[in-house]
Amino acid sequence: MAALVRFSGGADDLAEIVEALIAAAATREQDAPEQALRWKWLADDIGDALDQLPAPPQ
């Protein structure tokens, strides 16, 4: 499934969300390992999508 998401801060905002997902997953690894794994997968998927974006113009 694909989704179009717009952020006023662009890719920087999305990169911050990825970092937050990774940090949140680390806090849940002991109590909710399935949830932590899901959040890591989401962060990886979003990160992969960010890597596919063209470089911003200089």
PDB file of N, CA and C in Angstrom:
ATOM      1  N   MET A   1       0.842  -1.170   0.000  1.00  0.00           N
ATOM      2  CA  MET A   1       0.000   0.000   0.000  1.00  0.00           C
ATOM      3  C   MET A   1       0.888   1.233   0.000  1.00  0.00           C
ATOM      4  N   ALA A   2       0.493   2.208  -0.727  1.00  0.00           N
ATOM      5  CA  ALA A   2       1.232   3.468  -0.777  1.00  0.00           C
ATOM      6  C   ALA A   2       0.380   4.564  -0.142  1.00  0.00           C
ATOM      7  N   ALA A   3       1.055   5.567   0.365  1.00  0.00           N
ATOM      8  CA  ALA A   3       0.358   6.694   0.971  1.00  0.00           C
ATOM      9  C   ALA A   3       1.124   7.967   0.649  1.00  0.00           C
ATOM     10  N   LEU A   4       0.381   9.021   0.468  1.00  0.00           N
ATOM     11  CA  LEU A   4       0.976  10.333   0.268  1.00  0.00           C
ATOM     12  C   LEU A   4       0.784  11.106   1.563  1.00  0.00           C
ATOM     13  N   VAL A   5       1.899  11.508   2.160  1.00  0.00           N
ATOM     14  CA  VAL A   5       1.857  12.248   3.417  1.00  0.00           C
ATOM     15  C   VAL A   5       2.663  13.522   3.223  1.00  0.00           C
ATOM     16  N   ARG A   6       2.088  14.639   3.624  1.00  0.00           N
ATOM     17  CA  ARG A   6       2.783  15.920   3.492  1.00  0.00           C
ATOM     18  C   ARG A   6       3.085  16.474   4.873  1.00  0.00           C
ATOM     19  N   PHE A   7       4.321  16.904   5.052  1.00  0.00           N
ATOM     20  CA  PHE A   7       4.756  17.519   6.299  1.00  0.00           C
ATOM     21  C   PHE A   7       5.295  18.896   5.970  1.00  0.00           C
ATOM     22  N   SER A   8       4.972  19.858   6.809  1.00  0.00           N
ATOM     23  CA  SER A   8       5.443  21.221   6.544  1.00  0.00           C
ATOM     24  C   SER A   8       6.965  21.303   6.601  1.00  0.00           C
ATOM     25  N   GLY A   9       7.584  20.448   7.413  1.00  0.00           N
ATOM     26  CA  GLY A   9       9.044  20.425   7.520  1.00  0.00           C
ATOM     27  C   GLY A   9       9.702  19.477   6.547  1.00  0.00           C
ATOM     28  N   GLY A  10       8.920  18.852   5.692  1.00  0.00           N
ATOM     29  CA  GLY A  10       9.451  17.955   4.671  1.00  0.00           C
ATOM     30  C   GLY A  10      10.061  16.682   5.253  1.00  0.00           C
ATOM     31  N   ALA A  11      11.086  16.209   4.577  1.00  0.00           N
ATOM     32  CA  ALA A  11      11.730  14.951   4.956  1.00  0.00           C
ATOM     33  C   ALA A  11      12.361  15.026   6.341  1.00  0.00           C
ATOM     34  N   ASP A  12      12.749  16.213   6.764  1.00  0.00           N
ATOM     35  CA  ASP A  12      13.337  16.353   8.104  1.00  0.00           C
ATOM     36  C   ASP A  12      12.338  15.947   9.190  1.00  0.00           C
ATOM     37  N   ASP A  13      11.063  16.332   9.010  1.00  0.00           N
ATOM     38  CA  ASP A  13      10.038  15.939   9.972  1.00  0.00           C
ATOM     39  C   ASP A  13       9.867  14.425   9.984  1.00  0.00           C
ATOM     40  N   LEU A  14       9.859  13.838   8.811  1.00  0.00           N
ATOM     41  CA  LEU A  14       9.685  12.393   8.723  1.00  0.00           C
ATOM     42  C   LEU A  14      10.882  11.660   9.314  1.00  0.00           C
ATOM     43  N   ALA A  15      12.072  12.182   9.122  1.00  0.00           N
ATOM     44  CA  ALA A  15      13.261  11.575   9.728  1.00  0.00           C
ATOM     45  C   ALA A  15      13.170  11.634  11.250  1.00  0.00           C
ATOM     46  N   GLU A  16      12.599  12.702  11.770  1.00  0.00           N
ATOM     47  CA  GLU A  16      12.424  12.819  13.220  1.00  0.00           C
ATOM     48  C   GLU A  16      11.422  11.784  13.736  1.00  0.00           C
ATOM     49  N   ILE A  17      10.392  11.527  12.956  1.00  0.00           N
ATOM     50  CA  ILE A  17       9.416  10.501  13.331  1.00  0.00           C
ATOM     51  C   ILE A  17      10.074   9.126  13.347  1.00  0.00           C
ATOM     52  N   VAL A  18      10.932   8.861  12.376  1.00  0.00           N
ATOM     53  CA  VAL A  18      11.658   7.588  12.337  1.00  0.00           C
ATOM     54  C   VAL A  18      12.502   7.439  13.604  1.00  0.00           C
ATOM     55  N   GLU A  19      13.215   8.480  13.964  1.00  0.00           N
ATOM     56  CA  GLU A  19      14.036   8.442  15.176  1.00  0.00           C
ATOM     57  C   GLU A  19      13.169   8.195  16.416  1.00  0.00           C
ATOM     58  N   ALA A  20      11.999   8.812  16.460  1.00  0.00           N
ATOM     59  CA  ALA A  20      11.096   8.634  17.601  1.00  0.00           C
ATOM     60  C   ALA A  20      10.569   7.204  17.669  1.00  0.00           C
ATOM     61  N   LEU A  21      10.251   6.620  16.519  1.00  0.00           N
ATOM     62  CA  LEU A  21       9.799   5.230  16.502  1.00  0.00           C
ATOM     63  C   LEU A  21      10.882   4.290  17.020  1.00  0.00           C
ATOM     64  N   ILE A  22      12.112   4.531  16.618  1.00  0.00           N
ATOM     65  CA  ILE A  22      13.222   3.687  17.068  1.00  0.00           C
ATOM     66  C   ILE A  22      13.422   3.832  18.578  1.00  0.00           C
ATOM     67  N   ALA A  23      13.365   5.072  19.071  1.00  0.00           N
ATOM     68  CA  ALA A  23      13.519   5.297  20.511  1.00  0.00           C
ATOM     69  C   ALA A  23      12.372   4.668  21.288  1.00  0.00           C
ATOM     70  N   ALA A  24      11.148   4.811  20.789  1.00  0.00           N
ATOM     71  CA  ALA A  24       9.993   4.225  21.463  1.00  0.00           C
ATOM     72  C   ALA A  24      10.080   2.700  21.468  1.00  0.00           C
ATOM     73  N   ALA A  25      10.529   2.129  20.373  1.00  0.00           N
ATOM     74  CA  ALA A  25      10.673   0.675  20.299  1.00  0.00           C
ATOM     75  C   ALA A  25      11.667   0.174  21.339  1.00  0.00           C
ATOM     76  N   ALA A  26      12.730   0.908  21.533  1.00  0.00           N
ATOM     77  CA  ALA A  26      13.740   0.503  22.511  1.00  0.00           C
ATOM     78  C   ALA A  26      13.162   0.476  23.925  1.00  0.00           C
ATOM     79  N   THR A  27      12.227   1.372  24.210  1.00  0.00           N
ATOM     80  CA  THR A  27      11.641   1.399  25.555  1.00  0.00           C
ATOM     81  C   THR A  27      10.612   0.292  25.758  1.00  0.00           C
ATOM     82  N   ARG A  28      10.100  -0.285  24.683  1.00  0.00           N
ATOM     83  CA  ARG A  28       9.044  -1.304  24.781  1.00  0.00           C
ATOM     84  C   ARG A  28       9.550  -2.727  24.573  1.00  0.00           C
ATOM     85  N   GLU A  29      10.834  -2.895  24.295  1.00  0.00           N
ATOM     86  CA  GLU A  29      11.357  -4.218  23.973  1.00  0.00           C
ATOM     87  C   GLU A  29      11.113  -5.246  25.069  1.00  0.00           C
ATOM     88  N   GLN A  30      11.206  -4.861  26.318  1.00  0.00           N
ATOM     89  CA  GLN A  30      11.028  -5.810  27.419  1.00  0.00           C
ATOM     90  C   GLN A  30       9.555  -6.104  27.692  1.00  0.00           C
ATOM     91  N   ASP A  31       8.727  -5.079  27.704  1.00  0.00           N
ATOM     92  CA  ASP A  31       7.318  -5.241  28.077  1.00  0.00           C
ATOM     93  C   ASP A  31       6.413  -5.659  26.919  1.00  0.00           C
ATOM     94  N   ALA A  32       6.728  -5.212  25.722  1.00  0.00           N
ATOM     95  CA  ALA A  32       5.884  -5.497  24.551  1.00  0.00           C
ATOM     96  C   ALA A  32       6.773  -5.717  23.328  1.00  0.00           C
ATOM     97  N   PRO A  33       7.453  -6.860  23.275  1.00  0.00           N
ATOM     98  CA  PRO A  33       8.404  -7.078  22.185  1.00  0.00           C
ATOM     99  C   PRO A  33       7.763  -7.087  20.793  1.00  0.00           C
ATOM    100  N   GLU A  34       6.521  -7.553  20.690  1.00  0.00           N
ATOM    101  CA  GLU A  34       5.867  -7.553  19.369  1.00  0.00           C
ATOM    102  C   GLU A  34       5.610  -6.132  18.887  1.00  0.00           C
ATOM    103  N   GLN A  35       5.184  -5.278  19.809  1.00  0.00           N
ATOM    104  CA  GLN A  35       4.945  -3.882  19.458  1.00  0.00           C
ATOM    105  C   GLN A  35       6.261  -3.207  19.090  1.00  0.00           C
ATOM    106  N   ALA A  36       7.305  -3.467  19.848  1.00  0.00           N
ATOM    107  CA  ALA A  36       8.610  -2.878  19.558  1.00  0.00           C
ATOM    108  C   ALA A  36       9.091  -3.302  18.183  1.00  0.00           C
ATOM    109  N   LEU A  37       8.903  -4.568  17.843  1.00  0.00           N
ATOM    110  CA  LEU A  37       9.320  -5.056  16.533  1.00  0.00           C
ATOM    111  C   LEU A  37       8.524  -4.373  15.424  1.00  0.00           C
ATOM    112  N   ARG A  38       7.231  -4.200  15.641  1.00  0.00           N
ATOM    113  CA  ARG A  38       6.391  -3.523  14.648  1.00  0.00           C
ATOM    114  C   ARG A  38       6.856  -2.081  14.434  1.00  0.00           C
ATOM    115  N   TRP A  39       7.166  -1.393  15.530  1.00  0.00           N
ATOM    116  CA  TRP A  39       7.635  -0.008  15.401  1.00  0.00           C
ATOM    117  C   TRP A  39       8.971   0.054  14.680  1.00  0.00           C
ATOM    118  N   LYS A  40       9.842  -0.923  14.917  1.00  0.00           N
ATOM    119  CA  LYS A  40      11.126  -0.966  14.201  1.00  0.00           C
ATOM    120  C   LYS A  40      10.902  -1.191  12.713  1.00  0.00           C
ATOM    121  N   TRP A  41       9.963  -2.102  12.380  1.00  0.00           N
ATOM    122  CA  TRP A  41       9.653  -2.347  10.966  1.00  0.00           C
ATOM    123  C   TRP A  41       9.109  -1.083  10.306  1.00  0.00           C
ATOM    124  N   LEU A  42       8.217  -0.382  11.007  1.00  0.00           N
ATOM    125  CA  LEU A  42       7.682   0.867  10.458  1.00  0.00           C
ATOM    126  C   LEU A  42       8.800   1.881  10.213  1.00  0.00           C
ATOM    127  N   ALA A  43       9.693   2.019  11.184  1.00  0.00           N
ATOM    128  CA  ALA A  43      10.812   2.945  11.043  1.00  0.00           C
ATOM    129  C   ALA A  43      11.685   2.550   9.847  1.00  0.00           C
ATOM    130  N   ASP A  44      11.942   1.265   9.691  1.00  0.00           N
ATOM    131  CA  ASP A  44      12.745   0.801   8.554  1.00  0.00           C
ATOM    132  C   ASP A  44      12.053   1.080   7.227  1.00  0.00           C
ATOM    133  N   ASP A  45      10.745   0.817   7.163  1.00  0.00           N
ATOM    134  CA  ASP A  45      10.001   1.067   5.923  1.00  0.00           C
ATOM    135  C   ASP A  45       9.998   2.552   5.562  1.00  0.00           C
ATOM    136  N   ILE A  46       9.770   3.388   6.552  1.00  0.00           N
ATOM    137  CA  ILE A  46       9.775   4.836   6.297  1.00  0.00           C
ATOM    138  C   ILE A  46      11.180   5.292   5.900  1.00  0.00           C
ATOM    139  N   GLY A  47      12.193   4.785   6.596  1.00  0.00           N
ATOM    140  CA  GLY A  47      13.571   5.137   6.251  1.00  0.00           C
ATOM    141  C   GLY A  47      13.932   4.720   4.843  1.00  0.00           C
ATOM    142  N   ASP A  48      13.500   3.529   4.442  1.00  0.00           N
ATOM    143  CA  ASP A  48      13.753   3.071   3.071  1.00  0.00           C
ATOM    144  C   ASP A  48      13.078   3.989   2.051  1.00  0.00           C
ATOM    145  N   ALA A  49      11.856   4.415   2.356  1.00  0.00           N
ATOM    146  CA  ALA A  49      11.149   5.327   1.454  1.00  0.00           C
ATOM    147  C   ALA A  49      11.865   6.673   1.371  1.00  0.00           C
ATOM    148  N   LEU A  50      12.367   7.159   2.497  1.00  0.00           N
ATOM    149  CA  LEU A  50      13.117   8.418   2.490  1.00  0.00           C
ATOM    150  C   LEU A  50      14.383   8.289   1.636  1.00  0.00           C
ATOM    151  N   ASP A  51      15.038   7.136   1.711  1.00  0.00           N
ATOM    152  CA  ASP A  51      16.256   6.914   0.920  1.00  0.00           C
ATOM    153  C   ASP A  51      15.983   6.944  -0.572  1.00  0.00           C
ATOM    154  N   GLN A  52      14.756   6.656  -0.974  1.00  0.00           N
ATOM    155  CA  GLN A  52      14.409   6.630  -2.398  1.00  0.00           C
ATOM    156  C   GLN A  52      14.048   8.001  -2.951  1.00  0.00           C
ATOM    157  N   LEU A  53      13.866   8.976  -2.070  1.00  0.00           N
ATOM    158  CA  LEU A  53      13.556  10.326  -2.540  1.00  0.00           C
ATOM    159  C   LEU A  53      14.757  10.946  -3.236  1.00  0.00           C
ATOM    160  N   PRO A  54      14.502  11.771  -4.239  1.00  0.00           N
ATOM    161  CA  PRO A  54      15.627  12.456  -4.883  1.00  0.00           C
ATOM    162  C   PRO A  54      16.266  13.447  -3.915  1.00  0.00           C
ATOM    163  N   ALA A  55      17.539  13.673  -4.115  1.00  0.00           N
ATOM    164  CA  ALA A  55      18.264  14.635  -3.278  1.00  0.00           C
ATOM    165  C   ALA A  55      17.684  16.026  -3.521  1.00  0.00           C
ATOM    166  N   PRO A  56      17.598  16.831  -2.456  1.00  0.00           N
ATOM    167  CA  PRO A  56      17.085  18.191  -2.638  1.00  0.00           C
ATOM    168  C   PRO A  56      18.055  19.015  -3.493  1.00  0.00           C
ATOM    169  N   PRO A  57      17.506  19.967  -4.256  1.00  0.00           N
ATOM    170  CA  PRO A  57      18.392  20.809  -5.073  1.00  0.00           C
ATOM    171  C   PRO A  57      19.310  21.653  -4.206  1.00  0.00           C
ATOM    172  N   GLN A  58      20.504  21.877  -4.685  1.00  0.00           N
ATOM    173  CA  GLN A  58      21.504  22.654  -3.937  1.00  0.00           C
ATOM    174  C   GLN A  58      21.410  24.107  -4.289  1.00  0.00           C
TER     175      GLN A  58
END
